[in-house]
């Protein structure tokens, strides 16, 4: 009987450790994904600002519309 209780307590310990690890992995992945999205958004923002040079629209499309 004592072995069963100890085994059950041990299994609970392992289950709790696994849960902590899985929750940590989820939080890490969520944080990394958020950071990557922010980085790509900023890169896109800088590219648009560079292409537009402070204008509301980029100039490269004007000739296309004319043609």
C-alpha atoms as a PDB file:
ATOM      1  CA  UNK A   1       0.000   0.000   0.000  1.00  0.00           C
ATOM      2  CA  UNK A   2       2.828   2.405   0.872  1.00  0.00           C
ATOM      3  CA  UNK A   3       4.434   1.810  -2.548  1.00  0.00           C
ATOM      4  CA  UNK A   4       1.139   2.736  -4.244  1.00  0.00           C
ATOM      5  CA  UNK A   5       0.872   6.008  -2.299  1.00  0.00           C
ATOM      6  CA  UNK A   6       4.486   6.857  -3.038  1.00  0.00           C
ATOM      7  CA  UNK A   7       4.016   5.950  -6.689  1.00  0.00           C
ATOM      8  CA  UNK A   8       0.899   8.130  -6.886  1.00  0.00           C
ATOM      9  CA  UNK A   9       2.696  11.050  -5.231  1.00  0.00           C
ATOM     10  CA  UNK A  10       5.640  10.575  -7.579  1.00  0.00           C
ATOM     11  CA  UNK A  11       3.336  10.550 -10.597  1.00  0.00           C
ATOM     12  CA  UNK A  12       1.710  13.773  -9.347  1.00  0.00           C
ATOM     13  CA  UNK A  13       5.153  15.319  -8.998  1.00  0.00           C
ATOM     14  CA  UNK A  14       6.028  14.364 -12.575  1.00  0.00           C
ATOM     15  CA  UNK A  15       2.663  15.621 -13.843  1.00  0.00           C
ATOM     16  CA  UNK A  16       3.126  18.985 -12.093  1.00  0.00           C
ATOM     17  CA  UNK A  17       6.657  19.354 -13.441  1.00  0.00           C
ATOM     18  CA  UNK A  18       5.441  18.540 -16.945  1.00  0.00           C
ATOM     19  CA  UNK A  19       2.665  21.131 -16.629  1.00  0.00           C
ATOM     20  CA  UNK A  20       5.127  23.817 -15.495  1.00  0.00           C
ATOM     21  CA  UNK A  21       7.447  23.038 -18.413  1.00  0.00           C
ATOM     22  CA  UNK A  22       4.606  23.039 -20.956  1.00  0.00           C
ATOM     23  CA  UNK A  23       3.195  26.334 -19.664  1.00  0.00           C
ATOM     24  CA  UNK A  24       6.673  27.868 -19.776  1.00  0.00           C
ATOM     25  CA  UNK A  25       7.202  26.678 -23.360  1.00  0.00           C
ATOM     26  CA  UNK A  26       3.841  28.207 -24.352  1.00  0.00           C
ATOM     27  CA  UNK A  27       4.696  31.556 -22.748  1.00  0.00           C
ATOM     28  CA  UNK A  28       8.130  31.557 -24.403  1.00  0.00           C
ATOM     29  CA  UNK A  29       6.662  30.769 -27.841  1.00  0.00           C
ATOM     30  CA  UNK A  30       4.005  33.464 -27.418  1.00  0.00           C
ATOM     31  CA  UNK A  31       6.627  36.019 -26.405  1.00  0.00           C
ATOM     32  CA  UNK A  32       8.924  35.112 -29.306  1.00  0.00           C
ATOM     33  CA  UNK A  33       6.052  35.257 -31.807  1.00  0.00           C
ATOM     34  CA  UNK A  34       4.975  38.667 -30.507  1.00  0.00           C
ATOM     35  CA  UNK A  35       8.535  39.959 -30.755  1.00  0.00           C
ATOM     36  CA  UNK A  36       8.944  38.643 -34.314  1.00  0.00           C
ATOM     37  CA  UNK A  37       5.649  40.216 -35.414  1.00  0.00           C
ATOM     38  CA  UNK A  38       6.689  43.547 -33.911  1.00  0.00           C
ATOM     39  CA  UNK A  39      10.087  43.344 -35.628  1.00  0.00           C
ATOM     40  CA  UNK A  40       8.552  42.584 -39.036  1.00  0.00           C
ATOM     41  CA  UNK A  41       5.975  45.353 -38.593  1.00  0.00           C
ATOM     42  CA  UNK A  42       8.731  47.852 -37.796  1.00  0.00           C
ATOM     43  CA  UNK A  43      10.799  46.678 -40.766  1.00  0.00           C
ATOM     44  CA  UNK A  44       7.786  47.162 -43.029  1.00  0.00           C
ATOM     45  CA  UNK A  45       7.144  50.579 -41.522  1.00  0.00           C
ATOM     46  CA  UNK A  46      10.735  51.674 -42.166  1.00  0.00           C
ATOM     47  CA  UNK A  47      10.628  50.377 -45.751  1.00  0.00           C
ATOM     48  CA  UNK A  48       7.375  52.271 -46.425  1.00  0.00           C
ATOM     49  CA  UNK A  49       8.797  55.439 -44.873  1.00  0.00           C
ATOM     50  CA  UNK A  50      11.946  55.083 -46.978  1.00  0.00           C
ATOM     51  CA  UNK A  51       9.999  54.468 -50.204  1.00  0.00           C
ATOM     52  CA  UNK A  52       7.570  57.322 -49.557  1.00  0.00           C
ATOM     53  CA  UNK A  53      10.203  59.762 -48.349  1.00  0.00           C
ATOM     54  CA  UNK A  54       7.744  61.500 -46.043  1.00  0.00           C
ATOM     55  CA  UNK A  55       5.003  61.685 -48.688  1.00  0.00           C
ATOM     56  CA  UNK A  56       1.552  60.252 -48.214  1.00  0.00           C
ATOM     57  CA  UNK A  57       2.141  57.922 -51.169  1.00  0.00           C
ATOM     58  CA  UNK A  58       5.238  56.536 -52.845  1.00  0.00           C
ATOM     59  CA  UNK A  59       6.248  58.137 -56.174  1.00  0.00           C
ATOM     60  CA  UNK A  60       7.049  54.908 -58.030  1.00  0.00           C
ATOM     61  CA  UNK A  61       3.366  54.180 -58.669  1.00  0.00           C
ATOM     62  CA  UNK A  62       2.613  57.462 -60.468  1.00  0.00           C
ATOM     63  CA  UNK A  63       4.293  56.464 -63.745  1.00  0.00           C
ATOM     64  CA  UNK A  64       2.562  53.107 -63.692  1.00  0.00           C
ATOM     65  CA  UNK A  65      -0.854  54.756 -63.473  1.00  0.00           C
ATOM     66  CA  UNK A  66       0.004  57.210 -66.240  1.00  0.00           C
ATOM     67  CA  UNK A  67       1.147  54.424 -68.570  1.00  0.00           C
END
